[in-house]
């Protein structure tokens, strides 16, 4: 008597599904899924490799979507956005500016804003505030001061190292000469 899958009530698809489910259960049987951290606990090289492959593929898909759909739309929006100043009633005043023109004008205003000798604006330090220079001049002065100070500290450190080395050698030579000149006499 011949036994076939149909006689015991299984189709090839059902058998294949059962075999795959059993293999998956056996592979993941030593692992527990932590709902809180959303990670598998335990060790399975198969699961580790599968997890890495899934994450890499998802990152690639998200990167492609961003590059192909999101970034072009954002670029278009930034390039075509026009800003218009309004008064308190919402009426347009002044000339309309593109987003890029607005950003350039804000950067220029920021760099040319008057600051005190500490680099603070009147809004930051209004008590006895006195304009000293522009922000760009203050920033250049601070950068130059830092660069010169760093160079001077390094030069002083190098000079101290060479002077210390020279003094050490001179002391050793003097001690050697003094030791050579000494003669010990023992008399009884």
N, C-alpha and C. Protein backbone atom coordinates (compact mmCIF):
# COMPACT_ATOMS: atom_id res chain seq x y z
N UNK A 1 0.84 -1.16 0.00
CA UNK A 1 0.00 0.00 0.00
C UNK A 1 0.89 1.23 0.00
N UNK A 2 0.59 2.11 -0.89
CA UNK A 2 1.38 3.32 -1.07
C UNK A 2 0.73 4.48 -0.32
N UNK A 3 1.54 5.23 0.44
CA UNK A 3 1.04 6.38 1.19
C UNK A 3 1.44 7.64 0.43
N UNK A 4 0.46 8.51 0.22
CA UNK A 4 0.75 9.78 -0.45
C UNK A 4 0.28 10.92 0.45
N UNK A 5 0.73 12.13 0.13
CA UNK A 5 0.35 13.31 0.92
C UNK A 5 -1.16 13.53 0.89
N UNK A 6 -1.76 13.29 -0.25
CA UNK A 6 -3.20 13.50 -0.37
C UNK A 6 -3.98 12.55 0.52
N UNK A 7 -3.50 11.30 0.68
CA UNK A 7 -4.19 10.32 1.49
C UNK A 7 -4.18 10.69 2.97
N UNK A 8 -3.11 11.36 3.42
CA UNK A 8 -3.07 11.75 4.84
C UNK A 8 -3.60 13.17 5.04
N UNK A 9 -4.09 13.79 4.00
CA UNK A 9 -4.76 15.09 4.11
C UNK A 9 -3.84 16.29 4.05
N UNK A 10 -2.71 16.18 3.38
CA UNK A 10 -1.79 17.32 3.24
C UNK A 10 -1.54 17.62 1.77
N UNK A 11 -1.40 18.91 1.50
CA UNK A 11 -0.97 19.29 0.15
C UNK A 11 0.51 19.65 0.22
N UNK A 12 1.13 19.79 -0.94
CA UNK A 12 2.55 20.16 -0.96
C UNK A 12 2.77 21.52 -0.32
N UNK A 13 1.86 22.48 -0.55
CA UNK A 13 1.99 23.82 0.02
C UNK A 13 1.89 23.77 1.54
N UNK A 14 0.94 23.01 2.07
CA UNK A 14 0.76 22.90 3.52
C UNK A 14 1.99 22.25 4.16
N UNK A 15 2.53 21.21 3.53
CA UNK A 15 3.72 20.55 4.04
C UNK A 15 4.91 21.50 4.04
N UNK A 16 5.08 22.22 2.95
CA UNK A 16 6.18 23.19 2.86
C UNK A 16 6.04 24.26 3.94
N UNK A 17 4.81 24.72 4.18
CA UNK A 17 4.58 25.73 5.21
C UNK A 17 4.90 25.18 6.59
N UNK A 18 4.51 23.95 6.86
CA UNK A 18 4.80 23.33 8.16
C UNK A 18 6.31 23.16 8.36
N UNK A 19 7.01 22.75 7.31
CA UNK A 19 8.47 22.57 7.40
C UNK A 19 9.15 23.91 7.68
N UNK A 20 8.75 24.95 6.96
CA UNK A 20 9.34 26.27 7.17
C UNK A 20 9.04 26.77 8.58
N UNK A 21 7.80 26.63 9.04
CA UNK A 21 7.45 27.06 10.39
C UNK A 21 8.25 26.31 11.45
N UNK A 22 8.45 25.01 11.25
CA UNK A 22 9.22 24.21 12.19
C UNK A 22 10.68 24.67 12.21
N UNK A 23 11.25 24.94 11.04
CA UNK A 23 12.63 25.42 10.97
C UNK A 23 12.78 26.77 11.67
N UNK A 24 11.84 27.67 11.44
CA UNK A 24 11.88 28.98 12.08
C UNK A 24 11.76 28.83 13.59
N UNK A 25 10.84 27.98 14.05
CA UNK A 25 10.68 27.75 15.49
C UNK A 25 11.96 27.18 16.09
N UNK A 26 12.59 26.23 15.39
CA UNK A 26 13.83 25.63 15.90
C UNK A 26 14.97 26.64 15.94
N UNK A 27 15.04 27.51 14.96
CA UNK A 27 16.11 28.52 14.92
C UNK A 27 15.91 29.55 16.03
N UNK A 28 14.67 29.95 16.27
CA UNK A 28 14.40 31.00 17.24
C UNK A 28 14.01 30.48 18.62
N UNK A 29 14.08 29.15 18.84
CA UNK A 29 13.60 28.58 20.09
C UNK A 29 14.40 29.07 21.29
N UNK A 30 15.68 29.36 21.13
CA UNK A 30 16.50 29.78 22.27
C UNK A 30 16.45 31.30 22.47
N UNK A 31 15.63 31.99 21.72
CA UNK A 31 15.57 33.44 21.80
C UNK A 31 14.25 33.90 22.38
N UNK A 32 14.31 34.99 23.13
CA UNK A 32 13.11 35.62 23.68
C UNK A 32 13.05 37.03 23.14
N UNK A 33 11.86 37.47 22.78
CA UNK A 33 11.68 38.83 22.28
C UNK A 33 11.24 39.73 23.43
N UNK A 34 12.00 40.81 23.67
CA UNK A 34 11.68 41.76 24.72
C UNK A 34 10.87 42.90 24.11
N UNK A 35 9.60 42.98 24.49
CA UNK A 35 8.70 43.99 23.93
C UNK A 35 9.15 45.41 24.29
N UNK A 36 9.73 45.58 25.49
CA UNK A 36 10.11 46.91 25.96
C UNK A 36 11.27 47.47 25.15
N UNK A 37 12.32 46.70 24.97
CA UNK A 37 13.49 47.16 24.21
C UNK A 37 13.36 46.85 22.73
N UNK A 38 12.40 46.04 22.37
CA UNK A 38 12.16 45.60 21.00
C UNK A 38 13.40 44.92 20.41
N UNK A 39 13.99 44.04 21.21
CA UNK A 39 15.17 43.30 20.77
C UNK A 39 15.01 41.83 21.14
N UNK A 40 15.73 40.99 20.41
CA UNK A 40 15.75 39.57 20.72
C UNK A 40 16.86 39.32 21.72
N UNK A 41 16.59 38.54 22.75
CA UNK A 41 17.60 38.18 23.75
C UNK A 41 18.02 36.75 23.52
N UNK A 42 19.29 36.50 23.55
CA UNK A 42 19.82 35.17 23.29
C UNK A 42 20.81 35.27 22.16
N UNK A 43 21.28 34.13 21.71
CA UNK A 43 22.26 34.17 20.64
C UNK A 43 21.84 33.27 19.49
N UNK A 44 21.87 33.84 18.33
CA UNK A 44 21.60 33.08 17.12
C UNK A 44 22.31 33.81 15.99
N UNK A 45 23.29 33.18 15.40
CA UNK A 45 24.02 33.83 14.32
C UNK A 45 23.10 34.09 13.14
N UNK A 46 22.15 33.20 12.93
CA UNK A 46 21.19 33.40 11.85
C UNK A 46 20.37 34.66 12.10
N UNK A 47 19.84 34.79 13.33
CA UNK A 47 19.02 35.95 13.66
C UNK A 47 19.83 37.23 13.59
N UNK A 48 21.07 37.21 14.06
CA UNK A 48 21.93 38.38 14.02
C UNK A 48 22.16 38.81 12.58
N UNK A 49 22.48 37.86 11.71
CA UNK A 49 22.69 38.19 10.30
C UNK A 49 21.41 38.68 9.65
N UNK A 50 20.29 38.03 9.96
CA UNK A 50 19.00 38.43 9.38
C UNK A 50 18.63 39.84 9.84
N UNK A 51 18.83 40.12 11.13
CA UNK A 51 18.53 41.45 11.68
C UNK A 51 19.38 42.51 10.99
N UNK A 52 20.67 42.25 10.81
CA UNK A 52 21.56 43.21 10.14
C UNK A 52 21.13 43.42 8.69
N UNK A 53 20.79 42.36 8.00
CA UNK A 53 20.36 42.49 6.61
C UNK A 53 19.08 43.30 6.49
N UNK A 54 18.13 43.08 7.40
CA UNK A 54 16.86 43.82 7.37
C UNK A 54 17.13 45.30 7.65
N UNK A 55 17.93 45.59 8.67
CA UNK A 55 18.24 46.99 9.00
C UNK A 55 18.97 47.68 7.85
N UNK A 56 19.94 47.00 7.25
CA UNK A 56 20.66 47.59 6.12
C UNK A 56 19.72 47.88 4.95
N UNK A 57 18.84 46.95 4.68
CA UNK A 57 17.89 47.13 3.56
C UNK A 57 16.93 48.28 3.85
N UNK A 58 16.42 48.35 5.08
CA UNK A 58 15.52 49.45 5.44
C UNK A 58 16.23 50.80 5.34
N UNK A 59 17.47 50.86 5.82
CA UNK A 59 18.23 52.11 5.71
C UNK A 59 18.43 52.51 4.26
N UNK A 60 18.72 51.53 3.42
CA UNK A 60 18.91 51.81 2.00
C UNK A 60 17.61 52.32 1.36
N UNK A 61 16.49 51.70 1.68
CA UNK A 61 15.20 52.12 1.12
C UNK A 61 14.86 53.53 1.58
N UNK A 62 15.05 53.79 2.88
CA UNK A 62 14.75 55.13 3.40
C UNK A 62 15.67 56.17 2.77
N UNK A 63 16.94 55.85 2.61
CA UNK A 63 17.88 56.77 1.97
C UNK A 63 17.45 57.07 0.53
N UNK A 64 17.05 56.03 -0.19
CA UNK A 64 16.59 56.22 -1.58
C UNK A 64 15.34 57.09 -1.65
N UNK A 65 14.40 56.86 -0.75
CA UNK A 65 13.18 57.67 -0.73
C UNK A 65 13.54 59.13 -0.44
N UNK A 66 14.42 59.34 0.53
CA UNK A 66 14.85 60.70 0.86
C UNK A 66 15.53 61.38 -0.31
N UNK A 67 16.44 60.68 -0.96
CA UNK A 67 17.19 61.25 -2.08
C UNK A 67 16.29 61.51 -3.29
N UNK A 68 15.38 60.59 -3.56
CA UNK A 68 14.57 60.70 -4.78
C UNK A 68 13.30 61.54 -4.63
N UNK A 69 12.76 61.62 -3.40
CA UNK A 69 11.47 62.29 -3.25
C UNK A 69 11.50 63.48 -2.30
N UNK A 70 12.09 63.30 -1.13
CA UNK A 70 12.03 64.35 -0.11
C UNK A 70 12.98 65.50 -0.44
N UNK A 71 14.26 65.20 -0.69
CA UNK A 71 15.23 66.28 -0.95
C UNK A 71 14.88 67.15 -2.16
N UNK A 72 14.44 66.57 -3.28
CA UNK A 72 14.05 67.45 -4.39
C UNK A 72 12.89 68.38 -4.02
N UNK A 73 11.94 67.87 -3.26
CA UNK A 73 10.80 68.68 -2.85
C UNK A 73 11.24 69.81 -1.90
N UNK A 74 12.11 69.49 -0.96
CA UNK A 74 12.61 70.51 -0.03
C UNK A 74 13.41 71.56 -0.79
N UNK A 75 14.24 71.14 -1.71
CA UNK A 75 15.03 72.08 -2.52
C UNK A 75 14.12 72.99 -3.31
N UNK A 76 13.10 72.42 -3.91
CA UNK A 76 12.14 73.23 -4.67
C UNK A 76 11.44 74.24 -3.76
N UNK A 77 11.03 73.79 -2.58
CA UNK A 77 10.33 74.69 -1.65
C UNK A 77 11.24 75.83 -1.21
N UNK A 78 12.51 75.54 -0.91
CA UNK A 78 13.44 76.57 -0.46
C UNK A 78 13.71 77.56 -1.59
N UNK A 79 13.88 77.06 -2.79
CA UNK A 79 14.20 77.94 -3.91
C UNK A 79 13.02 78.80 -4.34
N UNK A 80 11.80 78.33 -4.14
CA UNK A 80 10.64 79.08 -4.61
C UNK A 80 9.90 79.82 -3.50
N UNK A 81 10.28 79.62 -2.25
CA UNK A 81 9.60 80.27 -1.13
C UNK A 81 9.86 81.77 -1.17
N UNK A 82 8.80 82.55 -1.06
CA UNK A 82 8.91 84.01 -1.04
C UNK A 82 8.31 84.49 0.27
N UNK A 83 9.10 85.30 0.99
CA UNK A 83 8.66 85.83 2.27
C UNK A 83 8.27 87.30 2.09
N UNK A 84 7.19 87.68 2.74
CA UNK A 84 6.69 89.05 2.63
C UNK A 84 6.41 89.56 4.04
N UNK A 85 7.01 90.68 4.41
CA UNK A 85 6.77 91.27 5.72
C UNK A 85 5.37 91.87 5.73
N UNK A 86 4.70 91.74 6.89
CA UNK A 86 3.35 92.30 7.02
C UNK A 86 3.30 93.19 8.27
N UNK A 87 2.31 94.06 8.30
CA UNK A 87 2.11 94.88 9.49
C UNK A 87 1.20 94.13 10.46
N UNK A 88 0.78 94.78 11.53
CA UNK A 88 -0.03 94.09 12.54
C UNK A 88 -1.40 93.66 12.03
N UNK A 89 -1.87 94.26 10.94
CA UNK A 89 -3.18 93.87 10.38
C UNK A 89 -3.04 92.85 9.26
N UNK A 90 -1.82 92.40 9.00
CA UNK A 90 -1.61 91.40 7.98
C UNK A 90 -1.45 91.96 6.57
N UNK A 91 -1.37 93.27 6.46
CA UNK A 91 -1.18 93.87 5.14
C UNK A 91 0.30 93.80 4.76
N UNK A 92 0.55 93.48 3.52
CA UNK A 92 1.92 93.33 3.06
C UNK A 92 2.61 94.68 2.99
N UNK A 93 3.82 94.74 3.55
CA UNK A 93 4.65 95.95 3.50
C UNK A 93 6.05 95.54 3.08
N UNK A 94 6.79 96.43 2.48
CA UNK A 94 8.14 96.12 2.03
C UNK A 94 8.13 95.26 0.79
N UNK A 95 9.34 94.93 0.33
CA UNK A 95 9.43 94.13 -0.89
C UNK A 95 9.52 92.64 -0.55
N UNK A 96 8.95 91.78 -1.40
CA UNK A 96 9.03 90.33 -1.16
C UNK A 96 10.46 89.83 -1.38
N UNK A 97 10.89 88.87 -0.56
CA UNK A 97 12.24 88.31 -0.66
C UNK A 97 12.14 86.79 -0.80
N UNK A 98 13.03 86.23 -1.60
CA UNK A 98 13.11 84.77 -1.64
C UNK A 98 13.77 84.32 -0.35
N UNK A 99 13.64 83.05 -0.05
CA UNK A 99 14.21 82.52 1.19
C UNK A 99 15.72 82.73 1.23
N UNK A 100 16.38 82.53 0.12
CA UNK A 100 17.84 82.69 0.06
C UNK A 100 18.22 84.14 0.29
N UNK A 101 17.50 85.08 -0.32
CA UNK A 101 17.77 86.51 -0.11
C UNK A 101 17.54 86.87 1.36
N UNK A 102 16.50 86.32 1.95
CA UNK A 102 16.21 86.59 3.36
C UNK A 102 17.34 86.08 4.25
N UNK A 103 17.80 84.85 4.01
CA UNK A 103 18.88 84.27 4.81
C UNK A 103 20.17 85.09 4.68
N UNK A 104 20.48 85.55 3.47
CA UNK A 104 21.68 86.37 3.26
C UNK A 104 21.55 87.70 4.01
N UNK A 105 20.40 88.33 3.94
CA UNK A 105 20.21 89.60 4.64
C UNK A 105 20.29 89.41 6.16
N UNK A 106 19.75 88.31 6.68
CA UNK A 106 19.84 88.05 8.12
C UNK A 106 21.28 87.79 8.54
N UNK A 107 22.03 87.08 7.72
CA UNK A 107 23.45 86.82 8.03
C UNK A 107 24.24 88.13 8.04
N UNK A 108 23.98 88.98 7.06
CA UNK A 108 24.65 90.29 7.02
C UNK A 108 24.30 91.12 8.25
N UNK A 109 23.03 91.15 8.60
CA UNK A 109 22.61 91.91 9.77
C UNK A 109 23.25 91.35 11.04
N UNK A 110 23.34 90.05 11.16
CA UNK A 110 23.95 89.43 12.33
C UNK A 110 25.43 89.82 12.43
N UNK A 111 26.14 89.75 11.32
CA UNK A 111 27.58 90.04 11.34
C UNK A 111 27.87 91.52 11.59
N UNK A 112 26.98 92.40 11.16
CA UNK A 112 27.20 93.85 11.32
C UNK A 112 26.56 94.42 12.58
N UNK A 113 25.92 93.59 13.38
CA UNK A 113 25.25 94.07 14.59
C UNK A 113 26.28 94.60 15.58
N UNK A 114 26.01 95.76 16.19
CA UNK A 114 26.95 96.31 17.18
C UNK A 114 26.98 95.46 18.45
N UNK A 115 28.18 95.28 19.00
CA UNK A 115 28.36 94.53 20.24
C UNK A 115 29.29 95.33 21.16
N UNK A 116 29.25 95.01 22.46
CA UNK A 116 30.15 95.67 23.39
C UNK A 116 31.49 94.97 23.41
N UNK A 117 32.38 95.34 24.33
CA UNK A 117 33.72 94.76 24.36
C UNK A 117 33.72 93.28 24.74
N UNK A 118 32.60 92.77 25.27
CA UNK A 118 32.47 91.35 25.59
C UNK A 118 31.79 90.56 24.48
N UNK A 119 31.40 91.22 23.40
CA UNK A 119 30.73 90.54 22.29
C UNK A 119 29.24 90.38 22.48
N UNK A 120 28.65 91.10 23.44
CA UNK A 120 27.21 90.98 23.71
C UNK A 120 26.47 92.14 23.07
N UNK A 121 25.26 91.85 22.60
CA UNK A 121 24.42 92.90 22.01
C UNK A 121 23.68 93.63 23.12
N UNK A 122 23.02 94.71 22.75
CA UNK A 122 22.27 95.47 23.75
C UNK A 122 21.15 94.61 24.34
N UNK A 123 20.57 93.73 23.55
CA UNK A 123 19.50 92.86 24.03
C UNK A 123 20.03 91.86 25.07
N UNK A 124 21.27 91.46 24.95
CA UNK A 124 21.85 90.48 25.87
C UNK A 124 22.36 91.13 27.16
N UNK A 125 22.81 92.40 27.08
CA UNK A 125 23.42 93.06 28.23
C UNK A 125 23.07 94.54 28.17
N UNK A 126 21.87 94.89 28.57
CA UNK A 126 21.41 96.27 28.42
C UNK A 126 21.91 97.19 29.53
N UNK A 127 22.36 96.66 30.65
CA UNK A 127 22.83 97.50 31.76
C UNK A 127 24.18 98.12 31.39
N UNK A 128 24.21 99.40 31.30
CA UNK A 128 25.39 100.20 30.94
C UNK A 128 26.09 99.66 29.68
N UNK A 129 25.31 99.24 28.71
CA UNK A 129 25.85 98.71 27.47
C UNK A 129 26.36 99.84 26.61
N UNK A 130 27.51 99.66 25.99
CA UNK A 130 28.07 100.67 25.10
C UNK A 130 28.63 99.96 23.88
N UNK A 131 28.25 100.43 22.71
CA UNK A 131 28.71 99.82 21.46
C UNK A 131 30.22 99.98 21.35
N UNK A 132 30.89 98.88 21.02
CA UNK A 132 32.34 98.90 20.89
C UNK A 132 32.77 98.61 19.46
N UNK A 133 32.14 97.62 18.83
CA UNK A 133 32.51 97.22 17.47
C UNK A 133 31.37 96.40 16.88
N UNK A 134 31.58 95.86 15.67
CA UNK A 134 30.59 94.97 15.08
C UNK A 134 30.92 93.54 15.49
N UNK A 135 29.96 92.66 15.33
CA UNK A 135 30.16 91.26 15.72
C UNK A 135 31.28 90.62 14.91
N UNK A 136 31.36 90.90 13.61
CA UNK A 136 32.40 90.29 12.78
C UNK A 136 33.79 90.74 13.24
N UNK A 137 33.93 92.03 13.57
CA UNK A 137 35.22 92.53 14.05
C UNK A 137 35.57 91.87 15.38
N UNK A 138 34.59 91.75 16.26
CA UNK A 138 34.81 91.12 17.56
C UNK A 138 35.27 89.66 17.36
N UNK A 139 34.59 88.94 16.46
CA UNK A 139 34.93 87.54 16.22
C UNK A 139 36.34 87.40 15.63
N UNK A 140 36.71 88.29 14.72
CA UNK A 140 38.06 88.25 14.13
C UNK A 140 39.09 88.54 15.21
N UNK A 141 38.84 89.57 16.05
CA UNK A 141 39.77 89.89 17.14
C UNK A 141 39.94 88.70 18.08
N UNK A 142 38.85 88.05 18.45
CA UNK A 142 38.94 86.90 19.36
C UNK A 142 39.70 85.75 18.72
N UNK A 143 39.47 85.53 17.44
CA UNK A 143 40.18 84.44 16.75
C UNK A 143 41.67 84.74 16.68
N UNK A 144 42.03 85.98 16.35
CA UNK A 144 43.45 86.36 16.31
C UNK A 144 44.08 86.23 17.69
N UNK A 145 43.36 86.70 18.72
CA UNK A 145 43.87 86.61 20.08
C UNK A 145 44.12 85.15 20.45
N UNK A 146 43.19 84.27 20.13
CA UNK A 146 43.35 82.85 20.44
C UNK A 146 44.55 82.27 19.68
N UNK A 147 44.67 82.61 18.39
CA UNK A 147 45.76 82.06 17.59
C UNK A 147 47.12 82.53 18.10
N UNK A 148 47.23 83.82 18.41
CA UNK A 148 48.50 84.36 18.90
C UNK A 148 48.82 83.77 20.27
N UNK A 149 47.82 83.69 21.13
CA UNK A 149 48.02 83.14 22.47
C UNK A 149 48.48 81.69 22.40
N UNK A 150 47.86 80.92 21.52
CA UNK A 150 48.25 79.51 21.36
C UNK A 150 49.68 79.40 20.85
N UNK A 151 50.04 80.22 19.88
CA UNK A 151 51.40 80.19 19.32
C UNK A 151 52.42 80.61 20.38
N UNK A 152 52.11 81.63 21.17
CA UNK A 152 53.03 82.09 22.21
C UNK A 152 53.21 81.01 23.29
N UNK A 153 52.11 80.37 23.69
CA UNK A 153 52.21 79.31 24.70
C UNK A 153 53.08 78.17 24.19
N UNK A 154 52.91 77.80 22.94
CA UNK A 154 53.71 76.72 22.38
C UNK A 154 55.18 77.12 22.29
N UNK A 155 55.45 78.37 21.88
CA UNK A 155 56.84 78.84 21.79
C UNK A 155 57.48 78.86 23.17
N UNK A 156 56.74 79.33 24.19
CA UNK A 156 57.26 79.36 25.55
C UNK A 156 57.51 77.95 26.07
N UNK A 157 56.63 77.03 25.76
CA UNK A 157 56.79 75.64 26.18
C UNK A 157 58.05 75.04 25.54
N UNK A 158 58.23 75.30 24.23
CA UNK A 158 59.42 74.79 23.54
C UNK A 158 60.69 75.41 24.10
N UNK A 159 60.67 76.74 24.37
CA UNK A 159 61.84 77.42 24.92
C UNK A 159 62.16 76.86 26.31
N UNK A 160 61.15 76.68 27.14
CA UNK A 160 61.37 76.13 28.48
C UNK A 160 61.97 74.73 28.40
N UNK A 161 61.51 73.93 27.47
CA UNK A 161 62.02 72.57 27.33
C UNK A 161 63.50 72.60 26.94
N UNK A 162 63.87 73.46 25.99
CA UNK A 162 65.27 73.50 25.56
C UNK A 162 66.16 74.11 26.64
N UNK A 163 65.66 75.14 27.36
CA UNK A 163 66.45 75.74 28.45
C UNK A 163 66.64 74.72 29.57
N UNK A 164 65.60 74.01 29.92
CA UNK A 164 65.69 73.00 30.97
C UNK A 164 66.70 71.93 30.59
N UNK A 165 66.66 71.51 29.34
CA UNK A 165 67.59 70.48 28.89
C UNK A 165 69.02 71.01 28.94
N UNK A 166 69.22 72.27 28.51
CA UNK A 166 70.55 72.87 28.55
C UNK A 166 71.06 73.03 29.97
N UNK A 167 70.21 73.49 30.89
CA UNK A 167 70.61 73.64 32.29
C UNK A 167 70.97 72.29 32.91
N UNK A 168 70.20 71.29 32.59
CA UNK A 168 70.46 69.95 33.11
C UNK A 168 71.84 69.46 32.66
N UNK A 169 72.16 69.66 31.39
CA UNK A 169 73.47 69.25 30.87
C UNK A 169 74.59 70.04 31.52
N UNK A 170 74.38 71.36 31.70
CA UNK A 170 75.40 72.20 32.32
C UNK A 170 75.66 71.77 33.76
N UNK A 171 74.62 71.47 34.51
CA UNK A 171 74.77 71.01 35.90
C UNK A 171 75.51 69.69 35.94
N UNK A 172 75.19 68.77 35.05
CA UNK A 172 75.88 67.48 35.02
C UNK A 172 77.37 67.66 34.73
N UNK A 173 77.70 68.55 33.79
CA UNK A 173 79.11 68.81 33.45
C UNK A 173 79.83 69.42 34.65
N UNK A 174 79.18 70.40 35.31
CA UNK A 174 79.80 71.04 36.47
C UNK A 174 80.01 70.06 37.60
N UNK A 175 79.04 69.20 37.85
CA UNK A 175 79.20 68.19 38.89
C UNK A 175 80.31 67.21 38.57
N UNK A 176 80.43 66.84 37.31
CA UNK A 176 81.50 65.93 36.89
C UNK A 176 82.87 66.58 37.12
N UNK A 177 82.99 67.85 36.74
CA UNK A 177 84.27 68.56 36.93
C UNK A 177 84.58 68.70 38.42
N UNK A 178 83.57 69.04 39.22
CA UNK A 178 83.79 69.19 40.65
C UNK A 178 84.19 67.86 41.26
N UNK A 179 83.60 66.79 40.82
CA UNK A 179 83.92 65.46 41.34
C UNK A 179 85.35 65.08 40.96
N UNK A 180 85.77 65.43 39.76
CA UNK A 180 87.13 65.11 39.31
C UNK A 180 88.17 65.89 40.10
N UNK A 181 87.88 67.11 40.54
CA UNK A 181 88.83 67.95 41.25
C UNK A 181 88.98 67.55 42.73
N UNK A 182 87.97 66.87 43.22
CA UNK A 182 88.02 66.46 44.60
C UNK A 182 89.00 65.31 44.78
N UNK A 183 89.78 65.42 45.82
CA UNK A 183 90.66 64.30 46.15
C UNK A 183 90.48 64.02 47.63
N UNK A 184 90.38 62.83 47.95
CA UNK A 184 90.14 62.42 49.32
C UNK A 184 91.45 61.89 49.90
N UNK A 185 91.88 62.46 51.04
CA UNK A 185 93.09 61.98 51.73
C UNK A 185 92.67 61.41 53.08
N UNK A 186 93.20 60.28 53.35
CA UNK A 186 92.92 59.65 54.63
C UNK A 186 94.25 59.60 55.39
N UNK A 187 94.27 60.19 56.55
CA UNK A 187 95.51 60.15 57.33
C UNK A 187 95.22 59.56 58.71
N UNK A 188 96.21 58.86 59.21
CA UNK A 188 96.04 58.23 60.49
C UNK A 188 97.08 58.67 61.48
